[in-house]
Amino acid sequence: MKDLSIIENLMKKLRTNPIQELDGQAVVFTDYLNGWGNLPGTDAIQLDLADGRRVIVRPSGTEPKLKCYLLAVADESNRSQSMLASLKAAMQKVLD
């Protein structure tokens, strides 16, 4: 993304309308902008899905990018890869 305002607008959109459901799962939304506990604030949000998957979204500090970190844990590698692929597709829809 060459226009940094796109990244700012996406983060604002995520904060203004927190995701309550993603990929068919209820979501717990955490915004770290104002800090957490004794930690200082950072421009990041976390989405914890009911099935244990997690997404962390933040702007890159060095490049004009919005970074999404996806996490899925399963007993089998194929299952976790499938869970990640589904989560990636769901996040792409949210960010489009």
PDB file of N, CA and C in Angstrom:
ATOM      1  N   MET A   1       0.836  -1.174   0.000  1.00  0.00           N
ATOM      2  CA  MET A   1       0.000   0.000   0.000  1.00  0.00           C
ATOM      3  C   MET A   1       0.881   1.238   0.000  1.00  0.00           C
ATOM      4  N   LYS A   2       0.697   2.044  -0.971  1.00  0.00           N
ATOM      5  CA  LYS A   2       1.496   3.261  -1.039  1.00  0.00           C
ATOM      6  C   LYS A   2       0.865   4.392  -0.231  1.00  0.00           C
ATOM      7  N   ASP A   3      -0.451   4.337  -0.062  1.00  0.00           N
ATOM      8  CA  ASP A   3      -1.165   5.387   0.659  1.00  0.00           C
ATOM      9  C   ASP A   3      -1.387   4.944   2.107  1.00  0.00           C
ATOM     10  N   LEU A   4      -0.655   5.556   3.040  1.00  0.00           N
ATOM     11  CA  LEU A   4      -0.752   5.174   4.449  1.00  0.00           C
ATOM     12  C   LEU A   4      -2.136   5.433   5.038  1.00  0.00           C
ATOM     13  N   SER A   5      -2.895   6.330   4.424  1.00  0.00           N
ATOM     14  CA  SER A   5      -4.239   6.603   4.942  1.00  0.00           C
ATOM     15  C   SER A   5      -5.143   5.380   4.803  1.00  0.00           C
ATOM     16  N   ILE A   6      -4.855   4.507   3.851  1.00  0.00           N
ATOM     17  CA  ILE A   6      -5.636   3.274   3.701  1.00  0.00           C
ATOM     18  C   ILE A   6      -5.468   2.410   4.946  1.00  0.00           C
ATOM     19  N   ILE A   7      -4.244   2.302   5.428  1.00  0.00           N
ATOM     20  CA  ILE A   7      -3.966   1.509   6.626  1.00  0.00           C
ATOM     21  C   ILE A   7      -4.665   2.133   7.830  1.00  0.00           C
ATOM     22  N   GLU A   8      -4.537   3.444   7.973  1.00  0.00           N
ATOM     23  CA  GLU A   8      -5.190   4.144   9.086  1.00  0.00           C
ATOM     24  C   GLU A   8      -6.699   3.938   9.044  1.00  0.00           C
ATOM     25  N   ASN A   9      -7.279   4.018   7.852  1.00  0.00           N
ATOM     26  CA  ASN A   9      -8.725   3.847   7.703  1.00  0.00           C
ATOM     27  C   ASN A   9      -9.163   2.426   8.036  1.00  0.00           C
ATOM     28  N   LEU A  10      -8.363   1.433   7.651  1.00  0.00           N
ATOM     29  CA  LEU A  10      -8.702   0.048   7.981  1.00  0.00           C
ATOM     30  C   LEU A  10      -8.664  -0.179   9.490  1.00  0.00           C
ATOM     31  N   MET A  11      -7.649   0.349  10.162  1.00  0.00           N
ATOM     32  CA  MET A  11      -7.568   0.201  11.617  1.00  0.00           C
ATOM     33  C   MET A  11      -8.744   0.926  12.289  1.00  0.00           C
ATOM     34  N   LYS A  12      -9.086   2.099  11.774  1.00  0.00           N
ATOM     35  CA  LYS A  12     -10.226   2.843  12.325  1.00  0.00           C
ATOM     36  C   LYS A  12     -11.518   2.060  12.127  1.00  0.00           C
ATOM     37  N   LYS A  13     -11.679   1.462  10.946  1.00  0.00           N
ATOM     38  CA  LYS A  13     -12.864   0.653  10.651  1.00  0.00           C
ATOM     39  C   LYS A  13     -12.969  -0.518  11.627  1.00  0.00           C
ATOM     40  N   LEU A  14     -11.851  -1.186  11.887  1.00  0.00           N
ATOM     41  CA  LEU A  14     -11.862  -2.325  12.801  1.00  0.00           C
ATOM     42  C   LEU A  14     -12.200  -1.893  14.228  1.00  0.00           C
ATOM     43  N   ARG A  15     -11.755  -0.716  14.613  1.00  0.00           N
ATOM     44  CA  ARG A  15     -12.035  -0.220  15.970  1.00  0.00           C
ATOM     45  C   ARG A  15     -13.466   0.307  16.098  1.00  0.00           C
ATOM     46  N   THR A  16     -13.942   0.985  15.072  1.00  0.00           N
ATOM     47  CA  THR A  16     -15.274   1.583  15.111  1.00  0.00           C
ATOM     48  C   THR A  16     -16.369   0.523  15.089  1.00  0.00           C
ATOM     49  N   ASN A  17     -16.151  -0.521  14.309  1.00  0.00           N
ATOM     50  CA  ASN A  17     -17.114  -1.620  14.186  1.00  0.00           C
ATOM     51  C   ASN A  17     -16.418  -2.933  14.532  1.00  0.00           C
ATOM     52  N   PRO A  18     -16.174  -3.180  15.825  1.00  0.00           N
ATOM     53  CA  PRO A  18     -15.444  -4.397  16.202  1.00  0.00           C
ATOM     54  C   PRO A  18     -16.126  -5.659  15.673  1.00  0.00           C
ATOM     55  N   ILE A  19     -15.318  -6.550  15.180  1.00  0.00           N
ATOM     56  CA  ILE A  19     -15.814  -7.817  14.648  1.00  0.00           C
ATOM     57  C   ILE A  19     -16.365  -8.643  15.799  1.00  0.00           C
ATOM     58  N   GLN A  20     -17.595  -9.125  15.652  1.00  0.00           N
ATOM     59  CA  GLN A  20     -18.208  -9.947  16.689  1.00  0.00           C
ATOM     60  C   GLN A  20     -18.276 -11.409  16.282  1.00  0.00           C
ATOM     61  N   GLU A  21     -18.178 -11.650  14.970  1.00  0.00           N
ATOM     62  CA  GLU A  21     -18.172 -13.020  14.464  1.00  0.00           C
ATOM     63  C   GLU A  21     -17.252 -13.079  13.253  1.00  0.00           C
ATOM     64  N   LEU A  22     -16.459 -14.138  13.187  1.00  0.00           N
ATOM     65  CA  LEU A  22     -15.530 -14.311  12.076  1.00  0.00           C
ATOM     66  C   LEU A  22     -15.446 -15.787  11.746  1.00  0.00           C
ATOM     67  N   ASP A  23     -15.629 -16.109  10.494  1.00  0.00           N
ATOM     68  CA  ASP A  23     -15.553 -17.499  10.033  1.00  0.00           C
ATOM     69  C   ASP A  23     -16.481 -18.407  10.849  1.00  0.00           C
ATOM     70  N   GLY A  24     -17.670 -17.871  11.176  1.00  0.00           N
ATOM     71  CA  GLY A  24     -18.665 -18.654  11.899  1.00  0.00           C
ATOM     72  C   GLY A  24     -18.416 -18.803  13.391  1.00  0.00           C
ATOM     73  N   GLN A  25     -17.458 -18.073  13.919  1.00  0.00           N
ATOM     74  CA  GLN A  25     -17.105 -18.174  15.338  1.00  0.00           C
ATOM     75  C   GLN A  25     -17.302 -16.827  16.037  1.00  0.00           C
ATOM     76  N   ALA A  26     -17.777 -16.883  17.285  1.00  0.00           N
ATOM     77  CA  ALA A  26     -17.861 -15.668  18.097  1.00  0.00           C
ATOM     78  C   ALA A  26     -16.450 -15.146  18.341  1.00  0.00           C
ATOM     79  N   VAL A  27     -16.322 -13.819  18.440  1.00  0.00           N
ATOM     80  CA  VAL A  27     -15.015 -13.180  18.582  1.00  0.00           C
ATOM     81  C   VAL A  27     -14.972 -12.327  19.851  1.00  0.00           C
ATOM     82  N   VAL A  28     -13.861 -12.433  20.574  1.00  0.00           N
ATOM     83  CA  VAL A  28     -13.557 -11.499  21.658  1.00  0.00           C
ATOM     84  C   VAL A  28     -12.548 -10.509  21.085  1.00  0.00           C
ATOM     85  N   PHE A  29     -12.919  -9.229  21.089  1.00  0.00           N
ATOM     86  CA  PHE A  29     -12.135  -8.157  20.477  1.00  0.00           C
ATOM     87  C   PHE A  29     -11.327  -7.446  21.559  1.00  0.00           C
ATOM     88  N   THR A  30     -10.014  -7.313  21.357  1.00  0.00           N
ATOM     89  CA  THR A  30      -9.154  -6.584  22.287  1.00  0.00           C
ATOM     90  C   THR A  30      -8.389  -5.520  21.513  1.00  0.00           C
ATOM     91  N   ASP A  31      -8.474  -4.286  21.990  1.00  0.00           N
ATOM     92  CA  ASP A  31      -7.772  -3.164  21.368  1.00  0.00           C
ATOM     93  C   ASP A  31      -6.639  -2.736  22.298  1.00  0.00           C
ATOM     94  N   TYR A  32      -5.420  -2.729  21.795  1.00  0.00           N
ATOM     95  CA  TYR A  32      -4.254  -2.396  22.607  1.00  0.00           C
ATOM     96  C   TYR A  32      -3.810  -0.941  22.461  1.00  0.00           C
ATOM     97  N   LEU A  33      -4.618  -0.109  21.810  1.00  0.00           N
ATOM     98  CA  LEU A  33      -4.231   1.274  21.557  1.00  0.00           C
ATOM     99  C   LEU A  33      -3.933   2.045  22.852  1.00  0.00           C
ATOM    100  N   ASN A  34      -4.696   1.777  23.887  1.00  0.00           N
ATOM    101  CA  ASN A  34      -4.507   2.491  25.157  1.00  0.00           C
ATOM    102  C   ASN A  34      -3.729   1.678  26.180  1.00  0.00           C
ATOM    103  N   GLY A  35      -3.056   0.649  25.738  1.00  0.00           N
ATOM    104  CA  GLY A  35      -2.258  -0.173  26.636  1.00  0.00           C
ATOM    105  C   GLY A  35      -3.044  -1.349  27.174  1.00  0.00           C
ATOM    106  N   TRP A  36      -2.336  -2.169  27.917  1.00  0.00           N
ATOM    107  CA  TRP A  36      -2.939  -3.347  28.523  1.00  0.00           C
ATOM    108  C   TRP A  36      -2.201  -3.607  29.824  1.00  0.00           C
ATOM    109  N   GLY A  37      -2.924  -3.586  30.919  1.00  0.00           N
ATOM    110  CA  GLY A  37      -2.261  -3.726  32.211  1.00  0.00           C
ATOM    111  C   GLY A  37      -1.276  -2.582  32.401  1.00  0.00           C
ATOM    112  N   ASN A  38      -0.035  -2.919  32.703  1.00  0.00           N
ATOM    113  CA  ASN A  38       1.016  -1.911  32.874  1.00  0.00           C
ATOM    114  C   ASN A  38       1.781  -1.626  31.584  1.00  0.00           C
ATOM    115  N   LEU A  39       1.391  -2.264  30.504  1.00  0.00           N
ATOM    116  CA  LEU A  39       2.104  -2.092  29.237  1.00  0.00           C
ATOM    117  C   LEU A  39       1.615  -0.846  28.505  1.00  0.00           C
ATOM    118  N   PRO A  40       2.511  -0.166  27.786  1.00  0.00           N
ATOM    119  CA  PRO A  40       2.101   1.021  27.032  1.00  0.00           C
ATOM    120  C   PRO A  40       1.227   0.637  25.839  1.00  0.00           C
ATOM    121  N   GLY A  41       0.503   1.605  25.330  1.00  0.00           N
ATOM    122  CA  GLY A  41      -0.365   1.370  24.192  1.00  0.00           C
ATOM    123  C   GLY A  41       0.411   1.106  22.915  1.00  0.00           C
ATOM    124  N   THR A  42      -0.227   0.371  22.020  1.00  0.00           N
ATOM    125  CA  THR A  42       0.335   0.112  20.699  1.00  0.00           C
ATOM    126  C   THR A  42      -0.818   0.007  19.712  1.00  0.00           C
ATOM    127  N   ASP A  43      -0.569   0.313  18.473  1.00  0.00           N
ATOM    128  CA  ASP A  43      -1.604   0.308  17.442  1.00  0.00           C
ATOM    129  C   ASP A  43      -1.818  -1.123  16.956  1.00  0.00           C
ATOM    130  N   ALA A  44      -2.556  -1.895  17.742  1.00  0.00           N
ATOM    131  CA  ALA A  44      -2.815  -3.295  17.398  1.00  0.00           C
ATOM    132  C   ALA A  44      -4.150  -3.724  17.988  1.00  0.00           C
ATOM    133  N   ILE A  45      -4.794  -4.654  17.297  1.00  0.00           N
ATOM    134  CA  ILE A  45      -6.003  -5.273  17.830  1.00  0.00           C
ATOM    135  C   ILE A  45      -5.828  -6.782  17.776  1.00  0.00           C
ATOM    136  N   GLN A  46      -6.553  -7.459  18.645  1.00  0.00           N
ATOM    137  CA  GLN A  46      -6.500  -8.918  18.693  1.00  0.00           C
ATOM    138  C   GLN A  46      -7.919  -9.453  18.631  1.00  0.00           C
ATOM    139  N   LEU A  47      -8.108 -10.480  17.832  1.00  0.00           N
ATOM    140  CA  LEU A  47      -9.394 -11.146  17.705  1.00  0.00           C
ATOM    141  C   LEU A  47      -9.210 -12.588  18.159  1.00  0.00           C
ATOM    142  N   ASP A  48      -9.879 -12.968  19.234  1.00  0.00           N
ATOM    143  CA  ASP A  48      -9.821 -14.342  19.728  1.00  0.00           C
ATOM    144  C   ASP A  48     -11.128 -15.028  19.372  1.00  0.00           C
ATOM    145  N   LEU A  49     -11.035 -16.046  18.526  1.00  0.00           N
ATOM    146  CA  LEU A  49     -12.214 -16.769  18.092  1.00  0.00           C
ATOM    147  C   LEU A  49     -12.573 -17.853  19.099  1.00  0.00           C
ATOM    148  N   ALA A  50     -13.851 -18.208  19.153  1.00  0.00           N
ATOM    149  CA  ALA A  50     -14.348 -19.184  20.124  1.00  0.00           C
ATOM    150  C   ALA A  50     -13.673 -20.546  19.985  1.00  0.00           C
ATOM    151  N   ASP A  51     -13.203 -20.887  18.786  1.00  0.00           N
ATOM    152  CA  ASP A  51     -12.568 -22.196  18.586  1.00  0.00           C
ATOM    153  C   ASP A  51     -11.065 -22.180  18.866  1.00  0.00           C
ATOM    154  N   GLY A  52     -10.561 -21.065  19.406  1.00  0.00           N
ATOM    155  CA  GLY A  52      -9.151 -20.986  19.787  1.00  0.00           C
ATOM    156  C   GLY A  52      -8.248 -20.306  18.775  1.00  0.00           C
ATOM    157  N   ARG A  53      -8.749 -20.042  17.579  1.00  0.00           N
ATOM    158  CA  ARG A  53      -7.926 -19.322  16.605  1.00  0.00           C
ATOM    159  C   ARG A  53      -7.796 -17.867  17.034  1.00  0.00           C
ATOM    160  N   ARG A  54      -6.744 -17.224  16.542  1.00  0.00           N
ATOM    161  CA  ARG A  54      -6.470 -15.837  16.924  1.00  0.00           C
ATOM    162  C   ARG A  54      -5.939 -15.072  15.721  1.00  0.00           C
ATOM    163  N   VAL A  55      -6.307 -13.786  15.661  1.00  0.00           N
ATOM    164  CA  VAL A  55      -5.790 -12.863  14.652  1.00  0.00           C
ATOM    165  C   VAL A  55      -5.277 -11.624  15.378  1.00  0.00           C
ATOM    166  N   ILE A  56      -4.081 -11.194  15.024  1.00  0.00           N
ATOM    167  CA  ILE A  56      -3.552  -9.926  15.517  1.00  0.00           C
ATOM    168  C   ILE A  56      -3.316  -9.050  14.291  1.00  0.00           C
ATOM    169  N   VAL A  57      -3.843  -7.836  14.330  1.00  0.00           N
ATOM    170  CA  VAL A  57      -3.737  -6.905  13.206  1.00  0.00           C
ATOM    171  C   VAL A  57      -3.017  -5.655  13.693  1.00  0.00           C
ATOM    172  N   ARG A  58      -2.004  -5.231  12.915  1.00  0.00           N
ATOM    173  CA  ARG A  58      -1.271  -4.010  13.268  1.00  0.00           C
ATOM    174  C   ARG A  58      -0.596  -3.451  12.023  1.00  0.00           C
ATOM    175  N   PRO A  59      -0.397  -2.141  11.996  1.00  0.00           N
ATOM    176  CA  PRO A  59       0.387  -1.562  10.904  1.00  0.00           C
ATOM    177  C   PRO A  59       1.860  -1.915  11.094  1.00  0.00           C
ATOM    178  N   SER A  60       2.568  -2.081   9.997  1.00  0.00           N
ATOM    179  CA  SER A  60       4.012  -2.300  10.071  1.00  0.00           C
ATOM    180  C   SER A  60       4.674  -1.026  10.567  1.00  0.00           C
ATOM    181  N   GLY A  61       5.734  -1.187  11.321  1.00  0.00           N
ATOM    182  CA  GLY A  61       6.472  -0.018  11.787  1.00  0.00           C
ATOM    183  C   GLY A  61       7.517   0.465  10.805  1.00  0.00           C
ATOM    184  N   THR A  62       7.816  -0.350   9.785  1.00  0.00           N
ATOM    185  CA  THR A  62       8.896   0.000   8.859  1.00  0.00           C
ATOM    186  C   THR A  62       8.472   0.060   7.398  1.00  0.00           C
ATOM    187  N   GLU A  63       7.305  -0.489   7.086  1.00  0.00           N
ATOM    188  CA  GLU A  63       6.856  -0.539   5.694  1.00  0.00           C
ATOM    189  C   GLU A  63       5.395  -0.107   5.623  1.00  0.00           C
ATOM    190  N   PRO A  64       4.941   0.332   4.464  1.00  0.00           N
ATOM    191  CA  PRO A  64       3.531   0.698   4.314  1.00  0.00           C
ATOM    192  C   PRO A  64       2.660  -0.551   4.132  1.00  0.00           C
ATOM    193  N   LYS A  65       2.527  -1.319   5.213  1.00  0.00           N
ATOM    194  CA  LYS A  65       1.771  -2.573   5.180  1.00  0.00           C
ATOM    195  C   LYS A  65       0.893  -2.678   6.415  1.00  0.00           C
ATOM    196  N   LEU A  66      -0.206  -3.405   6.271  1.00  0.00           N
ATOM    197  CA  LEU A  66      -1.018  -3.808   7.405  1.00  0.00           C
ATOM    198  C   LEU A  66      -0.724  -5.280   7.624  1.00  0.00           C
ATOM    199  N   LYS A  67      -0.251  -5.633   8.802  1.00  0.00           N
ATOM    200  CA  LYS A  67       0.148  -7.009   9.077  1.00  0.00           C
ATOM    201  C   LYS A  67      -0.953  -7.725   9.846  1.00  0.00           C
ATOM    202  N   CYS A  68      -1.233  -8.950   9.420  1.00  0.00           N
ATOM    203  CA  CYS A  68      -2.197  -9.811  10.097  1.00  0.00           C
ATOM    204  C   CYS A  68      -1.489 -11.104  10.463  1.00  0.00           C
ATOM    205  N   TYR A  69      -1.453 -11.383  11.740  1.00  0.00           N
ATOM    206  CA  TYR A  69      -0.844 -12.620  12.231  1.00  0.00           C
ATOM    207  C   TYR A  69      -1.978 -13.583  12.560  1.00  0.00           C
ATOM    208  N   LEU A  70      -1.945 -14.766  11.976  1.00  0.00           N
ATOM    209  CA  LEU A  70      -3.001 -15.753  12.163  1.00  0.00           C
ATOM    210  C   LEU A  70      -2.459 -16.932  12.953  1.00  0.00           C
ATOM    211  N   LEU A  71      -3.249 -17.430  13.905  1.00  0.00           N
ATOM    212  CA  LEU A  71      -2.836 -18.544  14.745  1.00  0.00           C
ATOM    213  C   LEU A  71      -3.959 -19.565  14.811  1.00  0.00           C
ATOM    214  N   ALA A  72      -3.604 -20.825  14.621  1.00  0.00           N
ATOM    215  CA  ALA A  72      -4.550 -21.927  14.792  1.00  0.00           C
ATOM    216  C   ALA A  72      -3.792 -23.113  15.366  1.00  0.00           C
ATOM    217  N   VAL A  73      -4.410 -23.782  16.314  1.00  0.00           N
ATOM    218  CA  VAL A  73      -3.801 -24.957  16.932  1.00  0.00           C
ATOM    219  C   VAL A  73      -4.754 -26.129  16.755  1.00  0.00           C
ATOM    220  N   ALA A  74      -4.213 -27.247  16.279  1.00  0.00           N
ATOM    221  CA  ALA A  74      -5.009 -28.463  16.091  1.00  0.00           C
ATOM    222  C   ALA A  74      -4.117 -29.674  16.314  1.00  0.00           C
ATOM    223  N   ASP A  75      -4.745 -30.819  16.507  1.00  0.00           N
ATOM    224  CA  ASP A  75      -3.996 -32.058  16.737  1.00  0.00           C
ATOM    225  C   ASP A  75      -3.247 -32.528  15.497  1.00  0.00           C
ATOM    226  N   GLU A  76      -3.745 -32.165  14.334  1.00  0.00           N
ATOM    227  CA  GLU A  76      -3.123 -32.605  13.085  1.00  0.00           C
ATOM    228  C   GLU A  76      -2.739 -31.394  12.239  1.00  0.00           C
ATOM    229  N   SER A  77      -1.594 -31.496  11.577  1.00  0.00           N
ATOM    230  CA  SER A  77      -1.095 -30.399  10.747  1.00  0.00           C
ATOM    231  C   SER A  77      -2.093 -30.022   9.653  1.00  0.00           C
ATOM    232  N   ASN A  78      -2.670 -31.029   9.003  1.00  0.00           N
ATOM    233  CA  ASN A  78      -3.628 -30.743   7.928  1.00  0.00           C
ATOM    234  C   ASN A  78      -4.811 -29.939   8.450  1.00  0.00           C
ATOM    235  N   ARG A  79      -5.257 -30.269   9.651  1.00  0.00           N
ATOM    236  CA  ARG A  79      -6.401 -29.562  10.240  1.00  0.00           C
ATOM    237  C   ARG A  79      -6.032 -28.110  10.545  1.00  0.00           C
ATOM    238  N   SER A  80      -4.854 -27.886  11.120  1.00  0.00           N
ATOM    239  CA  SER A  80      -4.467 -26.504  11.435  1.00  0.00           C
ATOM    240  C   SER A  80      -4.277 -25.690  10.153  1.00  0.00           C
ATOM    241  N   GLN A  81      -3.740 -26.308   9.112  1.00  0.00           N
ATOM    242  CA  GLN A  81      -3.577 -25.603   7.836  1.00  0.00           C
ATOM    243  C   GLN A  81      -4.930 -25.231   7.239  1.00  0.00           C
ATOM    244  N   SER A  82      -5.897 -26.134   7.363  1.00  0.00           N
ATOM    245  CA  SER A  82      -7.247 -25.861   6.873  1.00  0.00           C
ATOM    246  C   SER A  82      -7.896 -24.727   7.671  1.00  0.00           C
ATOM    247  N   MET A  83      -7.699 -24.744   8.996  1.00  0.00           N
ATOM    248  CA  MET A  83      -8.246 -23.686   9.850  1.00  0.00           C
ATOM    249  C   MET A  83      -7.635 -22.331   9.495  1.00  0.00           C
ATOM    250  N   LEU A  84      -6.324 -22.317   9.225  1.00  0.00           N
ATOM    251  CA  LEU A  84      -5.652 -21.068   8.852  1.00  0.00           C
ATOM    252  C   LEU A  84      -6.129 -20.554   7.501  1.00  0.00           C
ATOM    253  N   ALA A  85      -6.288 -21.462   6.541  1.00  0.00           N
ATOM    254  CA  ALA A  85      -6.745 -21.055   5.209  1.00  0.00           C
ATOM    255  C   ALA A  85      -8.137 -20.431   5.289  1.00  0.00           C
ATOM    256  N   SER A  86      -9.002 -21.031   6.078  1.00  0.00           N
ATOM    257  CA  SER A  86     -10.352 -20.511   6.245  1.00  0.00           C
ATOM    258  C   SER A  86     -10.330 -19.145   6.940  1.00  0.00           C
ATOM    259  N   LEU A  87      -9.475 -19.010   7.943  1.00  0.00           N
ATOM    260  CA  LEU A  87      -9.344 -17.744   8.664  1.00  0.00           C
ATOM    261  C   LEU A  87      -8.772 -16.652   7.761  1.00  0.00           C
ATOM    262  N   LYS A  88      -7.795 -17.015   6.949  1.00  0.00           N
ATOM    263  CA  LYS A  88      -7.204 -16.049   6.010  1.00  0.00           C
ATOM    264  C   LYS A  88      -8.264 -15.525   5.044  1.00  0.00           C
ATOM    265  N   ALA A  89      -9.077 -16.424   4.502  1.00  0.00           N
ATOM    266  CA  ALA A  89     -10.127 -16.012   3.568  1.00  0.00           C
ATOM    267  C   ALA A  89     -11.140 -15.095   4.257  1.00  0.00           C
ATOM    268  N   ALA A  90     -11.490 -15.411   5.493  1.00  0.00           N
ATOM    269  CA  ALA A  90     -12.444 -14.583   6.236  1.00  0.00           C
ATOM    270  C   ALA A  90     -11.875 -13.188   6.494  1.00  0.00           C
ATOM    271  N   MET A  91     -10.600 -13.112   6.859  1.00  0.00           N
ATOM    272  CA  MET A  91      -9.978 -11.808   7.108  1.00  0.00           C
ATOM    273  C   MET A  91      -9.844 -10.995   5.827  1.00  0.00           C
ATOM    274  N   GLN A  92      -9.565 -11.660   4.711  1.00  0.00           N
ATOM    275  CA  GLN A  92      -9.475 -10.935   3.443  1.00  0.00           C
ATOM    276  C   GLN A  92     -10.806 -10.276   3.110  1.00  0.00           C
ATOM    277  N   LYS A  93     -11.916 -10.956   3.400  1.00  0.00           N
ATOM    278  CA  LYS A  93     -13.236 -10.370   3.160  1.00  0.00           C
ATOM    279  C   LYS A  93     -13.460  -9.153   4.052  1.00  0.00           C
ATOM    280  N   VAL A  94     -13.029  -9.249   5.309  1.00  0.00           N
ATOM    281  CA  VAL A  94     -13.192  -8.134   6.249  1.00  0.00           C
ATOM    282  C   VAL A  94     -12.407  -6.914   5.781  1.00  0.00           C
ATOM    283  N   LEU A  95     -11.204  -7.138   5.289  1.00  0.00           N
ATOM    284  CA  LEU A  95     -10.314  -6.032   4.932  1.00  0.00           C
ATOM    285  C   LEU A  95     -10.555  -5.477   3.532  1.00  0.00           C
ATOM    286  N   ASP A  96     -11.321  -6.164   2.713  1.00  0.00           N
ATOM    287  CA  ASP A  96     -11.615  -5.667   1.357  1.00  0.00           C
ATOM    288  C   ASP A  96     -12.621  -4.541   1.389  1.00  0.00           C
TER     289      ASP A  96
END
